[in-house]
């Protein structure tokens, strides 16, 4: 399963323009550092990573877990926040079910941002969307930016640049685990700014090996606007229960990196923007959810 590394945290752009044996698997500590082969070229690193991603994607049968979405906005016309706890069930090849366990905070953020994010994550699983955002040579160019040997493991650091100015893609750096050829971390920004009102957006995603499966454990996206406002979206992933496909032999031991929406969901929802109009002698600020709707905001949570 791949739920777009370009798909979860871009939800901030939406706000501011304005992506199991049923026993619970414990998280294992990272393996000791592996010496990095000096003979591998960037082409070989990418080829092996793409190949292993495809193998791991085929290996996943079902999984379930819990996600905690937390969104904070600070700035004009007022500060607000929201949190949503969601139970997630995935079935191969492209079915994802969400059950909202609890929601608190701004109703506007819950209804217009967080719930829309869940819908975008479902859409990200469609084959046509997967091909448009896949981490491969068709969508990205790669250069070797460096190597790291740490107590938590050894990594190739690759700089990634989109081959087209596609709002679904991103540019930045990815950390590839030596030997595993799995994405352990992404630090990036959207390839295309979805709105004039956005000054910058930064996204960080962290993956962890859980019973030999590389799964997302956290997303953090920060967006700043030209009006001085800022938004922070965090997603915590936990309570994984994994069911691998037993017919795929050794391939059933790993899972492709979570293509989380940090980059995609936000871009797809990036048609929100702040607009201003005069109501008598008072200026009114609106957060527009597209060309036909423009719910007015006050300085209070709604």
Protein backbone atom coordinates (compact mmCIF):
# COMPACT_ATOMS: atom_id res chain seq x y z
CA UNK A 1 0.00 0.00 0.00
CA UNK A 2 1.20 3.48 -0.78
CA UNK A 3 -0.69 6.53 0.41
CA UNK A 4 1.41 9.31 -1.03
CA UNK A 5 4.20 10.97 0.83
CA UNK A 6 2.62 13.92 -0.96
CA UNK A 7 -0.71 13.64 0.60
CA UNK A 8 -1.37 14.32 4.26
CA UNK A 9 0.30 17.46 5.36
CA UNK A 10 -0.55 19.56 2.35
CA UNK A 11 -3.91 19.96 4.09
CA UNK A 12 -2.34 22.98 5.69
CA UNK A 13 -2.35 24.65 2.33
CA UNK A 14 -6.08 24.16 2.30
CA UNK A 15 -6.46 25.97 5.58
CA UNK A 16 -4.05 28.76 4.86
CA UNK A 17 -4.66 29.53 1.20
CA UNK A 18 -7.23 31.03 2.40
CA UNK A 19 -1.98 8.43 3.10
CA UNK A 20 -2.22 -6.45 9.53
CA UNK A 21 -1.64 -12.36 11.87
CA UNK A 22 -3.99 -9.96 13.70
CA UNK A 23 -1.81 -9.71 16.80
CA UNK A 24 -0.62 -6.29 17.78
CA UNK A 25 2.99 -5.95 16.61
CA UNK A 26 5.34 -4.10 18.94
CA UNK A 27 7.67 -1.53 17.43
CA UNK A 28 11.21 -2.89 17.18
CA UNK A 29 14.32 -0.78 17.66
CA UNK A 30 16.22 0.01 14.50
CA UNK A 31 18.92 -2.38 13.39
CA UNK A 32 22.55 -1.56 13.96
CA UNK A 33 24.33 0.54 11.38
CA UNK A 34 25.19 -1.13 8.09
CA UNK A 35 28.31 -0.10 6.22
CA UNK A 36 27.29 1.74 3.08
CA UNK A 37 28.57 0.15 -0.15
CA UNK A 38 30.72 2.75 -1.87
CA UNK A 39 30.12 1.24 -5.31
CA UNK A 40 26.40 1.99 -5.54
CA UNK A 41 25.48 4.82 -7.88
CA UNK A 42 22.41 6.99 -7.38
CA UNK A 43 20.77 5.12 -10.27
CA UNK A 44 21.33 1.81 -8.50
CA UNK A 45 19.99 3.16 -5.20
CA UNK A 46 16.84 4.46 -6.90
CA UNK A 47 16.34 1.27 -8.93
CA UNK A 48 16.62 -0.93 -5.84
CA UNK A 49 14.33 1.34 -3.82
CA UNK A 50 11.66 1.41 -6.52
CA UNK A 51 11.85 -2.37 -6.92
CA UNK A 52 11.62 -3.05 -3.20
CA UNK A 53 8.72 -0.61 -2.90
CA UNK A 54 6.78 -2.56 -5.53
CA UNK A 55 7.52 -5.85 -3.78
CA UNK A 56 6.45 -4.53 -0.40
CA UNK A 57 3.30 -2.97 -1.82
CA UNK A 58 2.26 -6.40 -3.13
CA UNK A 59 3.00 -7.98 0.23
CA UNK A 60 0.43 -6.08 2.25
CA UNK A 61 -2.91 -7.83 2.65
CA UNK A 62 -4.66 -5.88 5.40
CA UNK A 63 -3.77 -3.66 8.29
CA UNK A 64 -5.50 -1.58 10.91
CA UNK A 65 -4.36 1.12 13.27
CA UNK A 66 -5.11 4.47 14.87
CA UNK A 67 -4.30 7.99 13.68
CA UNK A 68 -4.48 11.20 15.67
CA UNK A 69 -4.87 14.31 13.51
CA UNK A 70 -4.16 17.65 15.17
CA UNK A 71 -4.46 20.98 13.38
CA UNK A 72 -3.61 24.41 14.78
CA UNK A 73 -4.01 27.77 13.06
CA UNK A 74 -2.65 31.04 14.45
CA UNK A 75 -3.23 34.39 12.80
CA UNK A 76 -5.85 36.48 11.03
CA UNK A 77 -8.79 36.47 11.54
CA UNK A 78 -8.43 34.38 14.70
CA UNK A 79 -6.76 31.32 16.20
CA UNK A 80 -8.44 27.92 16.18
CA UNK A 81 -7.54 24.26 16.53
CA UNK A 82 -9.07 20.84 16.05
CA UNK A 83 -8.23 17.22 16.79
CA UNK A 84 -9.64 13.99 15.40
CA UNK A 85 -8.91 10.39 16.45
CA UNK A 86 -9.54 7.92 13.62
CA UNK A 87 -9.51 4.13 13.38
CA UNK A 88 -8.13 2.97 10.02
CA UNK A 89 -8.65 -0.36 8.19
CA UNK A 90 -6.93 -1.12 4.89
CA UNK A 91 -7.58 -4.01 2.49
CA UNK A 92 -5.47 -4.70 -0.56
CA UNK A 93 -5.36 -3.49 -3.22
CA UNK A 94 -7.03 -0.12 -2.68
CA UNK A 95 -9.69 -0.05 0.03
CA UNK A 96 -9.40 2.11 3.12
CA UNK A 97 -12.06 2.56 5.78
CA UNK A 98 -12.07 5.32 8.40
CA UNK A 99 -14.06 5.39 11.64
CA UNK A 100 -13.95 8.66 13.55
CA UNK A 101 -13.69 7.82 17.24
CA UNK A 102 -13.68 11.38 18.51
CA UNK A 103 -13.42 14.97 17.29
CA UNK A 104 -12.95 18.18 19.22
CA UNK A 105 -12.23 21.84 18.56
CA UNK A 106 -13.21 24.03 15.62
CA UNK A 107 -16.15 22.57 13.69
CA UNK A 108 -15.01 24.44 10.60
CA UNK A 109 -11.59 22.77 10.66
CA UNK A 110 -13.10 19.36 11.38
CA UNK A 111 -15.69 19.50 8.60
CA UNK A 112 -13.83 21.47 5.94
CA UNK A 113 -10.27 20.29 6.47
CA UNK A 114 -9.77 17.10 8.50
CA UNK A 115 -12.73 15.15 7.11
CA UNK A 116 -11.83 16.23 3.60
CA UNK A 117 -8.33 14.96 4.22
CA UNK A 118 -9.71 11.47 4.90
CA UNK A 119 -11.56 11.53 1.60
CA UNK A 120 -8.42 12.64 -0.22
CA UNK A 121 -6.48 9.77 1.29
CA UNK A 122 -9.00 7.32 -0.16
CA UNK A 123 -8.67 8.95 -3.56
CA UNK A 124 -4.88 8.73 -3.32
CA UNK A 125 -5.12 4.91 -3.38
CA UNK A 126 -6.61 4.87 -6.87
CA UNK A 127 -4.16 3.41 -9.43
CA UNK A 128 -4.24 6.50 -11.63
CA UNK A 129 -3.27 8.69 -8.68
CA UNK A 130 -0.57 6.29 -7.48
CA UNK A 131 1.19 6.43 -10.84
CA UNK A 132 1.16 10.23 -10.86
CA UNK A 133 2.96 10.55 -7.52
CA UNK A 134 5.09 7.41 -7.32
CA UNK A 135 8.68 7.85 -6.21
CA UNK A 136 10.38 6.80 -9.47
CA UNK A 137 12.41 8.12 -12.40
CA UNK A 138 9.31 9.02 -14.37
CA UNK A 139 8.20 11.60 -11.79
CA UNK A 140 11.49 12.67 -10.18
CA UNK A 141 15.16 13.26 -10.82
CA UNK A 142 17.57 12.17 -8.07
CA UNK A 143 21.03 13.17 -6.93
CA UNK A 144 23.10 11.73 -4.09
CA UNK A 145 23.30 14.45 -1.42
CA UNK A 146 25.26 12.46 1.14
CA UNK A 147 25.48 9.42 3.40
CA UNK A 148 24.95 8.95 7.13
CA UNK A 149 26.11 6.33 9.60
CA UNK A 150 24.24 6.69 12.90
CA UNK A 151 23.48 4.50 15.94
CA UNK A 152 20.03 4.00 14.41
CA UNK A 153 21.31 2.83 11.05
CA UNK A 154 23.01 3.85 7.82
CA UNK A 155 21.33 5.95 5.17
CA UNK A 156 21.70 7.26 1.65
CA UNK A 157 20.45 10.85 1.43
CA UNK A 158 18.93 11.71 -1.94
CA UNK A 159 17.82 15.09 -3.23
CA UNK A 160 14.61 14.79 -5.23
CA UNK A 161 13.34 17.22 -7.84
CA UNK A 162 10.03 16.85 -9.72
CA UNK A 163 10.34 16.51 -13.47
CA UNK A 164 7.23 18.68 -13.89
CA UNK A 165 5.70 21.49 -11.85
CA UNK A 166 2.94 19.18 -10.64
CA UNK A 167 1.10 20.21 -7.48
CA UNK A 168 0.96 16.54 -6.44
CA UNK A 169 4.75 16.23 -6.37
CA UNK A 170 7.37 17.59 -3.99
CA UNK A 171 11.02 18.63 -3.83
CA UNK A 172 13.39 18.03 -0.95
CA UNK A 173 15.40 15.18 0.57
CA UNK A 174 14.68 11.56 1.38
CA UNK A 175 16.64 9.19 3.64
CA UNK A 176 16.96 5.63 2.26
CA UNK A 177 17.85 2.85 4.70
CA UNK A 178 20.95 0.97 3.54
CA UNK A 179 20.27 -2.72 2.92
CA UNK A 180 16.50 -2.27 3.28
CA UNK A 181 16.11 0.29 0.49
CA UNK A 182 13.13 1.79 2.29
CA UNK A 183 12.29 5.43 2.93
CA UNK A 184 12.94 6.34 6.58
CA UNK A 185 12.41 10.10 6.40
CA UNK A 186 11.17 12.79 4.03
CA UNK A 187 11.84 16.52 4.36
CA UNK A 188 10.17 18.39 1.55
CA UNK A 189 8.05 21.19 0.16
CA UNK A 190 5.37 21.12 -2.56
CA UNK A 191 6.68 21.37 -6.11
CA UNK A 192 4.11 24.02 -6.94
CA UNK A 193 2.71 26.68 -4.65
CA UNK A 194 -1.08 26.26 -4.82
CA UNK A 195 -1.84 29.84 -3.85
CA UNK A 196 -0.38 33.34 -3.90
CA UNK A 197 -1.32 33.64 -0.22
CA UNK A 198 1.06 30.85 0.79
CA UNK A 199 4.59 31.96 1.62
CA UNK A 200 6.11 28.57 2.35
CA UNK A 201 5.30 25.05 3.48
CA UNK A 202 7.59 22.47 5.09
CA UNK A 203 6.79 18.82 5.62
CA UNK A 204 8.56 16.09 7.57
CA UNK A 205 7.53 12.44 7.61
CA UNK A 206 9.12 9.72 9.74
CA UNK A 207 8.86 5.96 9.13
CA UNK A 208 9.74 3.16 11.53
CA UNK A 209 10.38 -0.53 11.10
CA UNK A 210 7.53 -2.38 12.80
CA UNK A 211 8.02 -6.16 12.78
CA UNK A 212 10.03 -5.80 9.56
CA UNK A 213 7.42 -3.49 8.04
CA UNK A 214 8.34 0.14 7.27
CA UNK A 215 5.33 2.18 8.37
CA UNK A 216 4.69 5.88 9.05
CA UNK A 217 4.82 6.99 12.66
CA UNK A 218 4.55 10.77 12.35
CA UNK A 219 3.81 13.59 9.91
CA UNK A 220 4.46 17.25 10.63
CA UNK A 221 3.56 20.05 8.22
CA UNK A 222 4.02 23.77 8.79
CA UNK A 223 2.61 26.45 6.50
CA UNK A 224 3.05 30.24 6.65
CA UNK A 225 0.92 32.78 4.81
CA UNK A 226 1.73 36.19 3.40
CA UNK A 227 -0.82 37.60 5.87
CA UNK A 228 1.30 36.50 8.82
CA UNK A 229 -0.73 33.44 9.81
CA UNK A 230 0.65 29.94 10.31
CA UNK A 231 -0.78 26.44 10.58
CA UNK A 232 0.62 23.22 11.98
CA UNK A 233 -0.74 19.80 11.09
CA UNK A 234 0.54 16.72 12.89
CA UNK A 235 -0.50 13.11 12.41
CA UNK A 236 0.46 10.37 14.85
CA UNK A 237 0.22 6.73 13.70
CA UNK A 238 0.02 3.94 16.27
CA UNK A 239 -1.52 0.58 17.28
CA UNK A 240 -0.58 -1.19 14.05
CA UNK A 241 -2.02 -4.65 13.43
CA UNK A 242 -0.67 -6.16 10.22
CA UNK A 243 -1.70 -9.11 8.06
CA UNK A 244 0.84 -9.81 5.31
CA UNK A 245 0.13 -11.92 2.25
CA UNK A 246 1.46 -15.41 3.04
CA UNK A 247 1.71 -16.37 -0.65
CA UNK A 248 4.51 -13.90 -1.33
CA UNK A 249 7.27 -15.56 0.70
CA UNK A 250 9.95 -13.23 1.97
CA UNK A 251 8.28 -10.25 0.32
CA UNK A 252 5.53 -10.53 2.91
CA UNK A 253 7.92 -9.18 5.52
CA UNK A 254 8.01 -5.59 4.37
CA UNK A 255 5.67 -2.84 3.32
CA UNK A 256 6.15 0.04 0.94
CA UNK A 257 6.63 3.49 2.50
CA UNK A 258 3.37 5.17 3.33
CA UNK A 259 2.66 7.62 0.53
CA UNK A 260 1.15 9.91 2.83
CA UNK A 261 -0.88 12.72 1.83
CA UNK A 262 1.28 15.07 3.65
CA UNK A 263 2.09 16.36 0.23
CA UNK A 264 -0.97 15.42 -1.75
CA UNK A 265 -4.00 16.11 0.34
CA UNK A 266 -2.99 19.64 1.02
CA UNK A 267 -2.21 20.42 -2.56
CA UNK A 268 -5.47 18.96 -3.78
CA UNK A 269 -7.33 21.09 -1.30
CA UNK A 270 -5.25 24.14 -2.03
CA UNK A 271 -8.04 26.17 -3.61
CA UNK A 272 -8.92 27.71 -0.25
CA UNK A 273 -7.97 31.34 0.15
CA UNK A 274 -8.57 34.36 2.31
CA UNK A 275 -10.66 37.07 0.69
CA UNK A 276 -11.93 40.38 1.94
CA UNK A 277 -15.12 42.32 1.38
CA UNK A 278 -16.75 45.37 2.91
CA UNK A 279 -19.87 44.85 5.01
CA UNK A 280 -20.94 48.41 5.71
CA UNK A 281 -17.92 49.95 7.41
CA UNK A 282 -16.52 46.59 8.62
CA UNK A 283 -14.13 44.40 6.66
CA UNK A 284 -15.13 40.72 6.59
CA UNK A 285 -12.57 37.95 6.13
CA UNK A 286 -13.64 34.71 4.50
CA UNK A 287 -11.98 31.33 4.14
CA UNK A 288 -13.18 30.18 0.76
CA UNK A 289 -13.55 26.46 0.13
CA UNK A 290 -13.65 26.82 -3.63
CA UNK A 291 -15.34 29.07 -6.16
CA UNK A 292 -18.88 28.54 -4.89
CA UNK A 293 -18.62 28.62 -1.10
CA UNK A 294 -17.14 31.16 1.26
CA UNK A 295 -17.90 30.48 4.93
CA UNK A 296 -17.24 33.61 6.97
CA UNK A 297 -14.88 33.38 9.91
CA UNK A 298 -14.86 35.33 13.09
CA UNK A 299 -12.15 35.47 15.72
CA UNK A 300 -13.77 32.56 17.56
CA UNK A 301 -13.67 28.81 16.96
CA UNK A 302 -16.64 27.62 14.97
